[in-house]
Amino acid sequence: MTRLADRHDETGLNRAGARQSWLVGLGLGVPAGFLLLEFPTAGLAIFAAAGAVLTIKGRASAGIGGLLVGTGGTWLALFARIKLTCPWDPATGTGCVATGIDAYLAVSLAIMAVGLGTSWFASLRTRSA
């Protein structure tokens, strides 16, 4: 009787390994995404280090997909909150102004979409085994 962890794909890595790599990438992508906005140098260092470790030690496509989903999702949540809670009333001139926030939302969606695409590709490779 074989266990799920014993069934390997063509690269020698199993589904559990790909899932674990994706979750580690997601877990590192969330703080990296936040730090990229608040402390760009620290965020970039964490993002680059996480990407390197996930590529070397884990299932690269799954880990990088999780990293991008975490980063893009964090940015999307933060920028969407700003967009939704920053009302501007031009008649009275009150409220806050978040000019250019739409471009940041688009970049956030693009990063998350690339991460989801990479994750989907990784899942197809794992299922084909």
N, C-alpha and C. Protein backbone atom coordinates (compact mmCIF):
# COMPACT_ATOMS: atom_id res chain seq x y z
N MET A 1 0.85 -1.18 0.00
CA MET A 1 0.00 0.00 0.00
C MET A 1 0.89 1.24 0.00
N THR A 2 0.65 2.15 -0.93
CA THR A 2 1.45 3.37 -1.00
C THR A 2 0.69 4.53 -0.38
N ARG A 3 1.42 5.35 0.28
CA ARG A 3 0.83 6.55 0.85
C ARG A 3 0.93 7.67 -0.17
N LEU A 4 0.11 8.72 0.02
CA LEU A 4 0.14 9.87 -0.88
C LEU A 4 1.54 10.48 -0.91
N ALA A 5 2.19 10.53 0.23
CA ALA A 5 3.53 11.13 0.29
C ALA A 5 4.56 10.29 -0.45
N ASP A 6 4.25 9.01 -0.72
CA ASP A 6 5.20 8.14 -1.40
C ASP A 6 5.08 8.22 -2.93
N ARG A 7 3.98 8.75 -3.43
CA ARG A 7 3.79 8.85 -4.88
C ARG A 7 4.50 10.08 -5.40
N HIS A 8 5.46 9.88 -6.25
CA HIS A 8 6.28 10.99 -6.75
C HIS A 8 5.94 11.27 -8.21
N ASP A 9 6.12 12.54 -8.59
CA ASP A 9 5.95 12.89 -9.99
C ASP A 9 7.26 12.70 -10.74
N GLU A 10 7.30 13.13 -12.00
CA GLU A 10 8.46 12.87 -12.84
C GLU A 10 9.73 13.56 -12.35
N THR A 11 9.62 14.59 -11.53
CA THR A 11 10.81 15.27 -11.03
C THR A 11 11.23 14.75 -9.67
N GLY A 12 10.52 13.77 -9.14
CA GLY A 12 10.89 13.21 -7.84
C GLY A 12 10.24 13.92 -6.67
N LEU A 13 9.45 14.94 -6.94
CA LEU A 13 8.75 15.64 -5.87
C LEU A 13 7.29 15.24 -5.88
N ASN A 14 6.68 15.18 -4.74
CA ASN A 14 5.30 14.72 -4.66
C ASN A 14 4.34 15.89 -4.50
N ARG A 15 3.04 15.57 -4.52
CA ARG A 15 2.01 16.61 -4.37
C ARG A 15 2.12 17.32 -3.04
N ALA A 16 2.39 16.57 -2.00
CA ALA A 16 2.51 17.19 -0.67
C ALA A 16 3.66 18.19 -0.66
N GLY A 17 4.73 17.89 -1.35
CA GLY A 17 5.87 18.80 -1.43
C GLY A 17 5.52 20.07 -2.20
N ALA A 18 4.77 19.92 -3.28
CA ALA A 18 4.35 21.09 -4.06
C ALA A 18 3.40 21.95 -3.24
N ARG A 19 2.48 21.31 -2.54
CA ARG A 19 1.53 22.05 -1.70
C ARG A 19 2.26 22.78 -0.58
N GLN A 20 3.20 22.10 0.04
CA GLN A 20 3.97 22.72 1.11
C GLN A 20 4.79 23.90 0.58
N SER A 21 5.38 23.74 -0.56
CA SER A 21 6.17 24.81 -1.17
C SER A 21 5.28 26.02 -1.47
N TRP A 22 4.06 25.76 -1.98
CA TRP A 22 3.14 26.85 -2.28
C TRP A 22 2.73 27.59 -1.01
N LEU A 23 2.43 26.84 0.04
CA LEU A 23 2.02 27.47 1.30
C LEU A 23 3.16 28.27 1.93
N VAL A 24 4.38 27.77 1.83
CA VAL A 24 5.53 28.52 2.34
C VAL A 24 5.68 29.81 1.54
N GLY A 25 5.54 29.71 0.22
CA GLY A 25 5.60 30.90 -0.62
C GLY A 25 4.53 31.90 -0.27
N LEU A 26 3.31 31.43 -0.04
CA LEU A 26 2.22 32.32 0.35
C LEU A 26 2.52 32.97 1.70
N GLY A 27 2.99 32.17 2.64
CA GLY A 27 3.31 32.70 3.97
C GLY A 27 4.43 33.72 3.95
N LEU A 28 5.36 33.59 3.03
CA LEU A 28 6.44 34.58 2.91
C LEU A 28 6.03 35.75 2.04
N GLY A 29 5.10 35.53 1.12
CA GLY A 29 4.67 36.60 0.22
C GLY A 29 3.86 37.68 0.92
N VAL A 30 3.08 37.30 1.93
CA VAL A 30 2.26 38.29 2.64
C VAL A 30 3.13 39.32 3.37
N PRO A 31 4.07 38.91 4.22
CA PRO A 31 4.90 39.93 4.86
C PRO A 31 5.83 40.64 3.87
N ALA A 32 6.29 39.93 2.86
CA ALA A 32 7.14 40.57 1.85
C ALA A 32 6.38 41.66 1.12
N GLY A 33 5.12 41.39 0.79
CA GLY A 33 4.29 42.40 0.13
C GLY A 33 4.08 43.63 0.99
N PHE A 34 3.83 43.41 2.26
CA PHE A 34 3.65 44.55 3.17
C PHE A 34 4.95 45.33 3.32
N LEU A 35 6.05 44.61 3.51
CA LEU A 35 7.34 45.27 3.69
C LEU A 35 7.81 45.98 2.43
N LEU A 36 7.45 45.47 1.26
CA LEU A 36 7.80 46.16 0.02
C LEU A 36 7.17 47.55 -0.04
N LEU A 37 6.03 47.71 0.58
CA LEU A 37 5.37 49.02 0.60
C LEU A 37 5.90 49.93 1.70
N GLU A 38 6.16 49.37 2.86
CA GLU A 38 6.57 50.18 4.00
C GLU A 38 8.08 50.39 4.10
N PHE A 39 8.84 49.33 3.91
CA PHE A 39 10.30 49.37 3.97
C PHE A 39 10.82 48.64 2.73
N PRO A 40 10.89 49.32 1.60
CA PRO A 40 11.17 48.64 0.33
C PRO A 40 12.45 47.80 0.32
N THR A 41 13.51 48.26 0.95
CA THR A 41 14.75 47.49 0.93
C THR A 41 14.59 46.17 1.67
N ALA A 42 13.99 46.21 2.84
CA ALA A 42 13.76 44.99 3.62
C ALA A 42 12.79 44.07 2.89
N GLY A 43 11.74 44.64 2.32
CA GLY A 43 10.77 43.84 1.58
C GLY A 43 11.38 43.17 0.37
N LEU A 44 12.22 43.90 -0.36
CA LEU A 44 12.88 43.33 -1.52
C LEU A 44 13.86 42.23 -1.12
N ALA A 45 14.54 42.43 0.00
CA ALA A 45 15.48 41.41 0.49
C ALA A 45 14.73 40.13 0.86
N ILE A 46 13.61 40.26 1.56
CA ILE A 46 12.82 39.08 1.94
C ILE A 46 12.24 38.41 0.71
N PHE A 47 11.73 39.22 -0.21
CA PHE A 47 11.14 38.67 -1.44
C PHE A 47 12.19 37.90 -2.24
N ALA A 48 13.36 38.49 -2.41
CA ALA A 48 14.43 37.84 -3.17
C ALA A 48 14.95 36.58 -2.47
N ALA A 49 15.13 36.67 -1.16
CA ALA A 49 15.61 35.51 -0.40
C ALA A 49 14.58 34.39 -0.44
N ALA A 50 13.32 34.73 -0.29
CA ALA A 50 12.26 33.71 -0.34
C ALA A 50 12.22 33.06 -1.71
N GLY A 51 12.32 33.87 -2.75
CA GLY A 51 12.32 33.32 -4.11
C GLY A 51 13.49 32.39 -4.34
N ALA A 52 14.66 32.77 -3.84
CA ALA A 52 15.85 31.93 -4.01
C ALA A 52 15.71 30.62 -3.25
N VAL A 53 15.25 30.68 -2.02
CA VAL A 53 15.10 29.47 -1.20
C VAL A 53 14.05 28.56 -1.81
N LEU A 54 12.93 29.12 -2.25
CA LEU A 54 11.87 28.30 -2.84
C LEU A 54 12.33 27.65 -4.14
N THR A 55 13.16 28.35 -4.88
CA THR A 55 13.66 27.79 -6.14
C THR A 55 14.66 26.67 -5.88
N ILE A 56 15.51 26.83 -4.89
CA ILE A 56 16.56 25.85 -4.61
C ILE A 56 16.03 24.66 -3.82
N LYS A 57 15.28 24.92 -2.77
CA LYS A 57 14.89 23.86 -1.83
C LYS A 57 13.55 23.20 -2.13
N GLY A 58 12.64 23.92 -2.77
CA GLY A 58 11.30 23.38 -2.92
C GLY A 58 10.91 23.20 -4.37
N ARG A 59 9.66 23.07 -4.58
CA ARG A 59 9.08 22.97 -5.92
C ARG A 59 8.98 24.40 -6.43
N ALA A 60 9.86 24.79 -7.36
CA ALA A 60 10.04 26.18 -7.75
C ALA A 60 8.75 26.84 -8.24
N SER A 61 8.05 26.22 -9.18
CA SER A 61 6.88 26.88 -9.74
C SER A 61 5.76 27.03 -8.71
N ALA A 62 5.58 26.05 -7.86
CA ALA A 62 4.55 26.15 -6.82
C ALA A 62 4.93 27.20 -5.79
N GLY A 63 6.16 27.21 -5.36
CA GLY A 63 6.61 28.17 -4.35
C GLY A 63 6.57 29.61 -4.84
N ILE A 64 7.05 29.82 -6.07
CA ILE A 64 7.03 31.17 -6.64
C ILE A 64 5.59 31.62 -6.87
N GLY A 65 4.73 30.70 -7.28
CA GLY A 65 3.31 31.03 -7.43
C GLY A 65 2.71 31.49 -6.13
N GLY A 66 2.99 30.78 -5.04
CA GLY A 66 2.49 31.18 -3.72
C GLY A 66 3.05 32.51 -3.28
N LEU A 67 4.33 32.74 -3.56
CA LEU A 67 4.97 34.01 -3.21
C LEU A 67 4.30 35.18 -3.93
N LEU A 68 4.04 35.00 -5.22
CA LEU A 68 3.39 36.07 -5.99
C LEU A 68 1.93 36.28 -5.58
N VAL A 69 1.22 35.20 -5.29
CA VAL A 69 -0.16 35.33 -4.82
C VAL A 69 -0.19 36.06 -3.48
N GLY A 70 0.72 35.73 -2.58
CA GLY A 70 0.78 36.40 -1.28
C GLY A 70 1.10 37.87 -1.40
N THR A 71 2.08 38.21 -2.23
CA THR A 71 2.46 39.60 -2.42
C THR A 71 1.35 40.38 -3.11
N GLY A 72 0.86 39.87 -4.22
CA GLY A 72 -0.21 40.55 -4.95
C GLY A 72 -1.49 40.65 -4.15
N GLY A 73 -1.82 39.61 -3.40
CA GLY A 73 -3.03 39.63 -2.57
C GLY A 73 -2.94 40.65 -1.45
N THR A 74 -1.76 40.76 -0.85
CA THR A 74 -1.56 41.76 0.20
C THR A 74 -1.71 43.16 -0.36
N TRP A 75 -1.08 43.41 -1.48
CA TRP A 75 -1.20 44.73 -2.11
C TRP A 75 -2.64 45.01 -2.51
N LEU A 76 -3.29 44.03 -3.09
CA LEU A 76 -4.68 44.21 -3.51
C LEU A 76 -5.57 44.54 -2.32
N ALA A 77 -5.41 43.83 -1.23
CA ALA A 77 -6.23 44.11 -0.04
C ALA A 77 -5.98 45.51 0.50
N LEU A 78 -4.72 45.91 0.58
CA LEU A 78 -4.41 47.24 1.11
C LEU A 78 -4.89 48.36 0.19
N PHE A 79 -4.61 48.24 -1.10
CA PHE A 79 -5.01 49.30 -2.03
C PHE A 79 -6.52 49.34 -2.24
N ALA A 80 -7.18 48.19 -2.23
CA ALA A 80 -8.64 48.17 -2.36
C ALA A 80 -9.29 48.82 -1.14
N ARG A 81 -8.73 48.58 0.02
CA ARG A 81 -9.26 49.22 1.23
C ARG A 81 -9.13 50.73 1.14
N ILE A 82 -8.00 51.20 0.66
CA ILE A 82 -7.82 52.65 0.48
C ILE A 82 -8.83 53.18 -0.51
N LYS A 83 -8.99 52.51 -1.63
CA LYS A 83 -9.93 52.95 -2.67
C LYS A 83 -11.36 52.99 -2.15
N LEU A 84 -11.75 52.00 -1.35
CA LEU A 84 -13.12 51.92 -0.87
C LEU A 84 -13.42 52.84 0.31
N THR A 85 -12.41 53.14 1.11
CA THR A 85 -12.66 53.93 2.32
C THR A 85 -12.10 55.35 2.23
N CYS A 86 -11.79 55.80 1.04
CA CYS A 86 -11.23 57.13 0.88
C CYS A 86 -12.17 57.97 0.02
N PRO A 87 -13.32 58.35 0.58
CA PRO A 87 -14.26 59.12 -0.23
C PRO A 87 -13.81 60.57 -0.39
N TRP A 88 -14.02 61.10 -1.55
CA TRP A 88 -13.68 62.49 -1.83
C TRP A 88 -14.94 63.18 -2.33
N ASP A 89 -15.31 64.25 -1.66
CA ASP A 89 -16.49 65.02 -2.06
C ASP A 89 -15.99 66.30 -2.71
N PRO A 90 -16.04 66.38 -4.05
CA PRO A 90 -15.53 67.57 -4.71
C PRO A 90 -16.34 68.83 -4.40
N ALA A 91 -17.60 68.67 -4.05
CA ALA A 91 -18.44 69.84 -3.75
C ALA A 91 -17.97 70.55 -2.49
N THR A 92 -17.63 69.78 -1.47
CA THR A 92 -17.20 70.39 -0.21
C THR A 92 -15.68 70.43 -0.07
N GLY A 93 -14.99 69.64 -0.88
CA GLY A 93 -13.53 69.59 -0.78
C GLY A 93 -13.06 68.82 0.44
N THR A 94 -13.89 67.93 0.94
CA THR A 94 -13.51 67.14 2.12
C THR A 94 -13.25 65.70 1.73
N GLY A 95 -12.50 65.05 2.55
CA GLY A 95 -12.18 63.65 2.33
C GLY A 95 -10.69 63.49 2.07
N CYS A 96 -10.33 62.37 1.56
CA CYS A 96 -8.92 62.15 1.24
C CYS A 96 -8.78 61.94 -0.25
N VAL A 97 -7.61 62.15 -0.72
CA VAL A 97 -7.33 62.00 -2.14
C VAL A 97 -6.32 60.88 -2.31
N ALA A 98 -6.68 59.89 -3.07
CA ALA A 98 -5.78 58.77 -3.35
C ALA A 98 -5.54 58.75 -4.85
N THR A 99 -4.85 59.76 -5.34
CA THR A 99 -4.61 59.84 -6.77
C THR A 99 -3.66 58.74 -7.21
N GLY A 100 -3.94 58.18 -8.35
CA GLY A 100 -3.09 57.14 -8.90
C GLY A 100 -3.26 55.77 -8.27
N ILE A 101 -4.25 55.61 -7.41
CA ILE A 101 -4.43 54.33 -6.74
C ILE A 101 -4.87 53.24 -7.72
N ASP A 102 -5.51 53.65 -8.81
CA ASP A 102 -5.97 52.66 -9.79
C ASP A 102 -4.80 51.94 -10.45
N ALA A 103 -3.70 52.64 -10.67
CA ALA A 103 -2.53 51.99 -11.26
C ALA A 103 -1.96 50.95 -10.28
N TYR A 104 -1.94 51.28 -9.00
CA TYR A 104 -1.45 50.33 -8.00
C TYR A 104 -2.37 49.11 -7.91
N LEU A 105 -3.67 49.34 -8.03
CA LEU A 105 -4.61 48.22 -8.03
C LEU A 105 -4.37 47.32 -9.25
N ALA A 106 -4.11 47.92 -10.39
CA ALA A 106 -3.86 47.14 -11.61
C ALA A 106 -2.58 46.31 -11.47
N VAL A 107 -1.54 46.91 -10.91
CA VAL A 107 -0.28 46.17 -10.70
C VAL A 107 -0.51 45.03 -9.71
N SER A 108 -1.27 45.30 -8.66
CA SER A 108 -1.58 44.26 -7.66
C SER A 108 -2.30 43.08 -8.31
N LEU A 109 -3.30 43.41 -9.13
CA LEU A 109 -4.04 42.35 -9.83
C LEU A 109 -3.14 41.58 -10.79
N ALA A 110 -2.25 42.29 -11.46
CA ALA A 110 -1.34 41.63 -12.40
C ALA A 110 -0.39 40.67 -11.67
N ILE A 111 0.16 41.11 -10.55
CA ILE A 111 1.05 40.24 -9.77
C ILE A 111 0.30 39.01 -9.28
N MET A 112 -0.90 39.24 -8.78
CA MET A 112 -1.70 38.12 -8.28
C MET A 112 -2.09 37.18 -9.43
N ALA A 113 -2.42 37.73 -10.59
CA ALA A 113 -2.78 36.90 -11.74
C ALA A 113 -1.60 36.05 -12.21
N VAL A 114 -0.41 36.62 -12.23
CA VAL A 114 0.78 35.85 -12.60
C VAL A 114 1.01 34.74 -11.58
N GLY A 115 0.82 35.05 -10.30
CA GLY A 115 0.97 34.05 -9.25
C GLY A 115 -0.05 32.93 -9.38
N LEU A 116 -1.30 33.28 -9.69
CA LEU A 116 -2.33 32.26 -9.87
C LEU A 116 -2.05 31.41 -11.10
N GLY A 117 -1.57 32.04 -12.16
CA GLY A 117 -1.21 31.29 -13.36
C GLY A 117 -0.06 30.34 -13.11
N THR A 118 0.94 30.80 -12.39
CA THR A 118 2.08 29.95 -12.05
C THR A 118 1.64 28.80 -11.15
N SER A 119 0.74 29.09 -10.21
CA SER A 119 0.22 28.05 -9.32
C SER A 119 -0.58 27.02 -10.11
N TRP A 120 -1.37 27.48 -11.06
CA TRP A 120 -2.16 26.58 -11.89
C TRP A 120 -1.23 25.68 -12.71
N PHE A 121 -0.19 26.28 -13.29
CA PHE A 121 0.79 25.50 -14.05
C PHE A 121 1.44 24.44 -13.16
N ALA A 122 1.80 24.83 -11.93
CA ALA A 122 2.42 23.89 -11.00
C ALA A 122 1.47 22.75 -10.66
N SER A 123 0.20 23.06 -10.49
CA SER A 123 -0.76 22.00 -10.17
C SER A 123 -0.96 21.06 -11.33
N LEU A 124 -0.91 21.57 -12.56
CA LEU A 124 -1.02 20.69 -13.73
C LEU A 124 0.17 19.74 -13.83
N ARG A 125 1.35 20.25 -13.53
CA ARG A 125 2.54 19.41 -13.58
C ARG A 125 2.48 18.33 -12.51
N THR A 126 1.94 18.66 -11.35
CA THR A 126 1.85 17.69 -10.26
C THR A 126 0.79 16.63 -10.56
N ARG A 127 -0.33 17.02 -11.17
CA ARG A 127 -1.40 16.09 -11.47
C ARG A 127 -1.04 15.13 -12.59
N SER A 128 -0.16 15.56 -13.47
CA SER A 128 0.16 14.71 -14.63
C SER A 128 0.98 13.47 -14.23
N ALA A 129 1.48 13.47 -13.02
CA ALA A 129 2.30 12.34 -12.59
C ALA A 129 1.46 11.15 -12.19
